[in-house]
Amino acid sequence: MAANEVRVGLVGCGVHAREVVLPAAQRAGMELAAVCDLDKRLAQRVTRRFGAFRAYQDIGTMVEEMDLDAVLACGPPEMHAEAAEVALRRGCHVWTEMPAAPTAAEAQRLAELASERELVAEVGLVMRHAPAYRRLHAICNEDGFGEVRSIEVVWWPPRLNGHEDPLSFDLSHALDFVRFIGGDVGRMSVARAGGGRAMLVTMELQSGAVASVSFAAPADCPRERVAVASMGATVAVEGRRTVTLRRCGHDETSVWGTEAHWAGMQGGSERAQGFLPQMEHFARAVAGEEEPLTAMSDAAYVLRLVERAGNSAGELVEVS
């Protein structure tokens, strides 16, 4: 099976699925065989709009009747977990939006189930896929950059994307990206302001580096910035648009921007944000062409961090 032969079914026909996930999946070359939603009329409308074969209200029936390679799940955490378990137990690969499950323990159980069945279970930790952040990651792993000593993330998602549980839905992305760059967390602490809407998460990484995440959601004035420093260089990403590299002792500054690469290209914004690369990677992983980049086990780990952050009273806590 090639990546452009992957046959998928979608579970959850909400706005994000219709405006982001499905367009990206189809541009990635996946075949949309069916959609599933408890709202029958909505499922039928999405079926017609995206050219799927059938609409369903039951996940298990869809998987059994449509001979799917994979299931995409986009909705609340409880639905993600239910869809993932049904699909995995019937031999289908899975991609879910984040959070992949209501709790870290549930996500870990799904990760173990996927491993037992030798199936791909990926999660929409989209920052790992955004080209600007992939560029930053590559720079940090170059021999000339040096050992990462500090990671600073400012992550204030816009009010337009507000969620009832911003920690699981939003903070999880920033915490995961810290781990993607710097490795596992050893200890962490949380300071809160603004009635709990804003927080500063500080972390000591097992590598010896330190990290911080300034988080506020939903934000009237959105901000997104990541800066990584070694003893000899700094690299920063602003809004997933530009990457700026500075080396100590050098006057030159290297700047790389997404607009120069994908300006005017169909799906250019989806690619710059990471949604299209995410779907392309999932298709290749299902086809056996690449290893998963954002596995269910990663979701379980970051949900443990979110749970620690949510329960923290400001003390420095160990992260097992």
Protein backbone atom coordinates (compact mmCIF):
# COMPACT_ATOMS: atom_id res chain seq x y z
CA MET A 1 0.00 0.00 0.00
CA ALA A 2 1.27 3.46 -0.93
CA ALA A 3 0.58 6.62 1.05
CA ASN A 4 -1.87 7.84 -1.61
CA GLU A 5 -3.87 4.60 -1.33
CA VAL A 6 -4.75 4.96 2.37
CA ARG A 7 -8.51 4.60 2.84
CA VAL A 8 -9.90 6.45 5.87
CA GLY A 9 -13.09 7.07 7.77
CA LEU A 10 -13.70 10.24 9.78
CA VAL A 11 -15.37 10.25 13.19
CA GLY A 12 -16.72 13.65 14.25
CA CYS A 13 -17.97 16.24 11.73
CA GLY A 14 -17.47 19.44 13.72
CA VAL A 15 -16.05 22.71 12.43
CA HIS A 16 -12.39 21.76 12.91
CA ALA A 17 -12.93 18.47 11.10
CA ARG A 18 -14.70 20.17 8.18
CA GLU A 19 -12.43 23.19 7.82
CA VAL A 20 -9.02 21.77 8.74
CA VAL A 21 -8.72 18.00 9.13
CA LEU A 22 -10.66 16.78 6.10
CA PRO A 23 -9.21 19.29 3.59
CA ALA A 24 -5.70 18.44 4.81
CA ALA A 25 -6.36 14.69 4.67
CA GLN A 26 -7.63 14.91 1.10
CA ARG A 27 -4.75 17.15 -0.01
CA ALA A 28 -2.43 14.55 1.55
CA GLY A 29 -3.88 12.02 -0.92
CA MET A 30 -5.95 9.91 1.47
CA GLU A 31 -9.24 8.49 0.20
CA LEU A 32 -12.22 9.48 2.35
CA ALA A 33 -14.46 6.41 2.35
CA ALA A 34 -16.98 7.35 5.06
CA VAL A 35 -17.84 9.78 7.83
CA CYS A 36 -19.50 9.16 11.19
CA ASP A 37 -21.38 11.54 13.47
CA LEU A 38 -24.29 11.22 15.87
CA ASP A 39 -25.97 14.04 13.93
CA LYS A 40 -27.24 12.12 10.90
CA ARG A 41 -27.96 15.18 8.76
CA LEU A 42 -24.56 16.70 9.48
CA ALA A 43 -22.84 13.42 8.55
CA GLN A 44 -24.80 13.32 5.30
CA ARG A 45 -23.88 16.92 4.44
CA VAL A 46 -20.18 16.25 5.08
CA THR A 47 -20.41 13.07 3.00
CA ARG A 48 -21.72 15.05 0.02
CA ARG A 49 -19.31 17.95 0.46
CA PHE A 50 -16.17 15.81 0.58
CA GLY A 51 -17.24 13.01 -1.74
CA ALA A 52 -17.30 10.18 0.79
CA PHE A 53 -19.24 6.99 -0.01
CA ARG A 54 -21.40 6.68 3.10
CA ALA A 55 -22.49 8.39 6.31
CA TYR A 56 -22.78 6.53 9.63
CA GLN A 57 -23.87 7.14 13.21
CA ASP A 58 -21.99 4.16 14.70
CA ILE A 59 -18.18 3.86 14.66
CA GLY A 60 -18.06 0.07 14.81
CA THR A 61 -20.48 -0.37 11.92
CA MET A 62 -18.49 2.06 9.77
CA VAL A 63 -15.22 0.26 10.42
CA GLU A 64 -16.71 -3.19 9.78
CA GLU A 65 -18.55 -2.28 6.56
CA MET A 66 -16.11 0.06 4.80
CA ASP A 67 -12.82 -1.91 4.77
CA LEU A 68 -10.85 1.02 6.16
CA ASP A 69 -7.10 1.32 6.59
CA ALA A 70 -7.38 4.06 9.21
CA VAL A 71 -9.76 6.18 11.28
CA LEU A 72 -9.45 9.93 11.89
CA ALA A 73 -11.13 11.14 15.09
CA CYS A 74 -11.91 14.80 15.73
CA GLY A 75 -14.13 15.75 18.68
CA PRO A 76 -14.10 15.68 22.50
CA PRO A 77 -11.52 13.52 24.34
CA GLU A 78 -14.05 10.85 25.29
CA MET A 79 -14.94 10.37 21.64
CA HIS A 80 -11.27 10.24 20.61
CA ALA A 81 -10.65 7.43 23.07
CA GLU A 82 -13.78 5.50 22.05
CA ALA A 83 -13.06 5.81 18.33
CA ALA A 84 -9.41 4.82 18.82
CA GLU A 85 -10.27 1.71 20.81
CA VAL A 86 -12.95 0.56 18.39
CA ALA A 87 -10.64 1.09 15.41
CA LEU A 88 -7.58 -0.54 16.97
CA ARG A 89 -9.54 -3.61 18.10
CA ARG A 90 -10.78 -4.03 14.52
CA GLY A 91 -7.31 -3.74 13.01
CA CYS A 92 -7.40 -0.10 11.84
CA HIS A 93 -4.69 2.49 12.29
CA VAL A 94 -5.75 5.66 14.14
CA TRP A 95 -5.15 9.39 14.17
CA THR A 96 -6.87 11.53 16.80
CA GLU A 97 -6.88 15.19 17.65
CA MET A 98 -5.30 16.18 20.95
CA PRO A 99 -6.21 15.37 23.70
CA ALA A 100 -6.33 11.74 22.62
CA ALA A 101 -8.20 10.67 25.76
CA PRO A 102 -9.71 12.21 28.91
CA THR A 103 -6.76 11.06 31.06
CA ALA A 104 -3.11 10.11 30.70
CA ALA A 105 -3.89 6.60 31.95
CA GLU A 106 -6.49 6.10 29.21
CA ALA A 107 -4.08 7.37 26.54
CA GLN A 108 -1.38 5.01 27.85
CA ARG A 109 -3.79 2.09 27.65
CA LEU A 110 -4.53 2.96 24.01
CA ALA A 111 -0.80 3.24 23.30
CA GLU A 112 -0.30 -0.27 24.69
CA LEU A 113 -3.22 -1.60 22.65
CA ALA A 114 -1.75 -0.10 19.45
CA SER A 115 1.63 -1.65 20.26
CA GLU A 116 0.06 -5.06 20.89
CA ARG A 117 -1.80 -4.93 17.58
CA GLU A 118 1.25 -3.46 15.74
CA LEU A 119 -0.86 -0.54 14.51
CA VAL A 120 -0.09 3.14 14.07
CA ALA A 121 -1.78 5.40 16.63
CA GLU A 122 -0.81 9.02 16.02
CA VAL A 123 -2.03 12.16 17.75
CA GLY A 124 -2.46 15.72 16.46
CA LEU A 125 0.45 17.33 18.29
CA VAL A 126 0.74 19.64 15.34
CA MET A 127 3.65 21.83 16.45
CA ARG A 128 6.05 18.97 15.72
CA HIS A 129 4.92 19.03 12.08
CA ALA A 130 4.96 22.78 11.34
CA PRO A 131 7.82 23.47 8.89
CA ALA A 132 9.24 26.37 10.92
CA TYR A 133 9.44 24.17 14.01
CA ARG A 134 10.89 21.30 12.00
CA ARG A 135 13.55 23.76 10.86
CA LEU A 136 14.21 24.80 14.46
CA HIS A 137 14.47 21.15 15.53
CA ALA A 138 16.98 20.42 12.76
CA ILE A 139 19.11 23.43 13.74
CA CYS A 140 19.14 22.37 17.39
CA ASN A 141 20.43 18.93 16.36
CA GLU A 142 23.28 20.26 14.23
CA ASP A 143 26.76 19.70 15.66
CA GLY A 144 27.56 23.40 15.40
CA PHE A 145 24.59 24.54 17.50
CA GLY A 146 25.75 23.02 20.75
CA GLU A 147 23.90 21.37 23.63
CA VAL A 148 20.48 22.88 24.32
CA ARG A 149 20.52 24.76 27.63
CA SER A 150 17.29 26.79 27.57
CA ILE A 151 13.85 26.58 25.91
CA GLU A 152 11.33 29.41 26.19
CA VAL A 153 7.80 29.07 24.82
CA VAL A 154 5.16 31.80 24.72
CA TRP A 155 1.86 30.15 23.78
CA TRP A 156 -1.30 32.27 23.99
CA PRO A 157 -3.89 30.66 21.66
CA PRO A 158 -6.55 32.98 20.18
CA ARG A 159 -10.02 33.35 21.65
CA LEU A 160 -11.40 32.03 18.35
CA ASN A 161 -9.96 28.62 19.25
CA GLY A 162 -11.04 28.70 22.90
CA HIS A 163 -11.82 25.41 24.66
CA GLU A 164 -13.57 24.52 27.89
CA ASP A 165 -10.39 22.73 29.01
CA PRO A 166 -7.50 24.86 27.68
CA LEU A 167 -4.88 22.87 29.58
CA SER A 168 -5.59 19.57 27.82
CA PHE A 169 -6.48 21.10 24.45
CA ASP A 170 -3.89 23.89 24.26
CA LEU A 171 -1.17 23.75 26.92
CA SER A 172 -0.46 20.15 25.92
CA HIS A 173 0.94 21.29 22.55
CA ALA A 174 3.50 23.63 24.14
CA LEU A 175 4.57 21.07 26.75
CA ASP A 176 4.98 18.41 24.09
CA PHE A 177 7.13 20.70 21.97
CA VAL A 178 9.44 21.37 24.92
CA ARG A 179 9.90 17.62 25.23
CA PHE A 180 10.40 17.26 21.46
CA ILE A 181 13.30 19.71 21.60
CA GLY A 182 14.78 19.06 25.03
CA GLY A 183 13.72 15.58 26.11
CA ASP A 184 11.86 14.29 29.15
CA VAL A 185 10.98 16.50 32.11
CA GLY A 186 12.60 15.87 35.49
CA ARG A 187 10.80 18.44 37.68
CA MET A 188 8.24 21.17 37.08
CA SER A 189 6.40 23.96 38.88
CA VAL A 190 3.48 26.24 38.00
CA ALA A 191 2.72 29.87 38.88
CA ARG A 192 -0.75 31.29 38.11
CA ALA A 193 -2.17 34.75 37.48
CA GLY A 194 -5.34 36.35 36.15
CA GLY A 195 -7.66 34.10 38.09
CA GLY A 196 -5.92 31.01 36.74
CA ARG A 197 -6.27 31.91 33.06
CA ALA A 198 -2.57 32.67 32.75
CA MET A 199 0.26 30.50 34.00
CA LEU A 200 4.00 30.07 33.84
CA VAL A 201 5.25 26.50 33.78
CA THR A 202 8.93 26.07 34.57
CA MET A 203 10.73 22.79 34.00
CA GLU A 204 14.04 21.15 34.73
CA LEU A 205 14.71 18.65 31.95
CA GLN A 206 16.52 15.37 32.48
CA SER A 207 19.11 16.56 29.95
CA GLY A 208 20.13 19.36 32.33
CA ALA A 209 18.41 22.10 30.32
CA VAL A 210 15.74 24.41 31.73
CA ALA A 211 12.47 25.34 30.03
CA SER A 212 9.52 27.66 30.55
CA VAL A 213 6.06 27.95 29.01
CA SER A 214 4.13 31.20 29.31
CA PHE A 215 0.51 30.18 28.67
CA ALA A 216 -2.79 32.04 28.56
CA ALA A 217 -6.00 30.86 26.90
CA PRO A 218 -8.15 32.03 25.39
CA ALA A 219 -6.16 35.17 24.57
CA ASP A 220 -7.54 38.40 23.11
CA CYS A 221 -4.02 39.20 21.88
CA PRO A 222 -2.60 35.85 20.65
CA ARG A 223 1.12 35.23 20.86
CA GLU A 224 3.30 32.32 19.75
CA ARG A 225 7.06 32.28 20.04
CA VAL A 226 9.69 29.61 20.74
CA ALA A 227 13.34 30.37 21.52
CA VAL A 228 16.07 27.79 22.10
CA ALA A 229 19.57 28.61 23.30
CA SER A 230 22.87 26.80 23.66
CA MET A 231 26.00 28.35 25.10
CA GLY A 232 26.98 29.51 21.62
CA ALA A 233 23.80 30.17 19.65
CA THR A 234 20.11 31.03 19.79
CA VAL A 235 17.32 30.11 17.39
CA ALA A 236 13.79 31.50 17.55
CA VAL A 237 10.49 30.94 15.73
CA GLU A 238 7.86 33.66 15.56
CA GLY A 239 4.28 32.63 14.85
CA ARG A 240 5.33 29.60 12.74
CA ARG A 241 6.41 32.11 10.07
CA THR A 242 10.09 32.92 10.55
CA VAL A 243 13.14 31.17 11.98
CA THR A 244 16.02 33.39 13.15
CA LEU A 245 19.43 31.94 14.01
CA ARG A 246 22.19 33.90 15.72
CA ARG A 247 25.62 32.55 16.68
CA CYS A 248 27.79 34.14 19.33
CA GLY A 249 30.82 35.91 17.87
CA HIS A 250 29.26 36.22 14.41
CA ASP A 251 27.66 39.33 12.97
CA GLU A 252 25.50 37.40 10.48
CA THR A 253 21.90 36.52 11.26
CA SER A 254 20.23 33.70 9.34
CA VAL A 255 16.51 34.15 8.66
CA TRP A 256 14.19 31.55 7.11
CA GLY A 257 10.51 32.22 6.41
CA THR A 258 7.55 30.08 5.40
CA GLU A 259 6.02 32.72 3.15
CA ALA A 260 8.97 32.54 0.76
CA HIS A 261 8.42 28.80 0.33
CA TRP A 262 4.65 28.47 0.04
CA ALA A 263 3.29 31.90 -0.89
CA GLY A 264 0.32 31.45 -3.19
CA MET A 265 0.52 27.65 -3.10
CA GLN A 266 -2.72 25.74 -2.59
CA GLY A 267 -2.77 24.58 1.02
CA GLY A 268 0.13 26.91 1.82
CA SER A 269 -1.37 28.08 5.11
CA GLU A 270 -2.28 24.52 6.12
CA ARG A 271 1.30 23.48 5.39
CA ALA A 272 2.84 26.38 7.32
CA GLN A 273 0.63 25.66 10.35
CA GLY A 274 1.56 21.97 10.24
CA PHE A 275 -1.87 20.50 9.46
CA LEU A 276 -1.04 19.29 5.95
CA PRO A 277 2.42 17.87 6.83
CA GLN A 278 0.76 16.08 9.74
CA MET A 279 -1.72 14.31 7.46
CA GLU A 280 0.98 13.54 4.88
CA HIS A 281 3.13 11.98 7.57
CA PHE A 282 0.25 9.90 8.95
CA ALA A 283 -0.47 8.52 5.47
CA ARG A 284 3.19 7.54 5.07
CA ALA A 285 3.24 5.96 8.53
CA VAL A 286 0.13 3.88 7.73
CA ALA A 287 1.76 2.83 4.45
CA GLY A 288 4.84 1.71 6.36
CA GLU A 289 7.08 4.33 4.76
CA GLU A 290 7.94 6.23 7.98
CA GLU A 291 7.89 5.76 11.73
CA PRO A 292 5.19 7.69 13.66
CA LEU A 293 6.31 11.14 14.80
CA THR A 294 3.57 11.87 17.36
CA ALA A 295 2.59 8.54 18.88
CA MET A 296 -0.16 7.80 21.39
CA SER A 297 2.58 7.26 23.98
CA ASP A 298 3.65 10.89 23.45
CA ALA A 299 0.06 11.98 24.13
CA ALA A 300 0.02 9.93 27.34
CA TYR A 301 3.27 11.54 28.51
CA VAL A 302 2.16 15.10 27.85
CA LEU A 303 -1.24 14.47 29.46
CA ARG A 304 0.63 13.40 32.60
CA LEU A 305 2.41 16.76 32.51
CA VAL A 306 -0.93 18.56 32.03
CA GLU A 307 -2.41 16.70 34.98
CA ARG A 308 0.57 17.68 37.14
CA ALA A 309 0.25 21.31 36.01
CA GLY A 310 -3.50 21.37 36.73
CA ASN A 311 -3.02 19.99 40.24
CA SER A 312 0.05 22.06 41.11
CA ALA A 313 -0.09 24.59 43.94
CA GLY A 314 3.21 26.19 42.91
CA GLU A 315 5.53 23.60 44.44
CA LEU A 316 8.37 21.95 42.49
CA VAL A 317 7.21 18.39 41.74
CA GLU A 318 9.02 15.36 40.38
CA VAL A 319 7.79 14.00 37.04
CA SER A 320 8.00 10.21 36.84
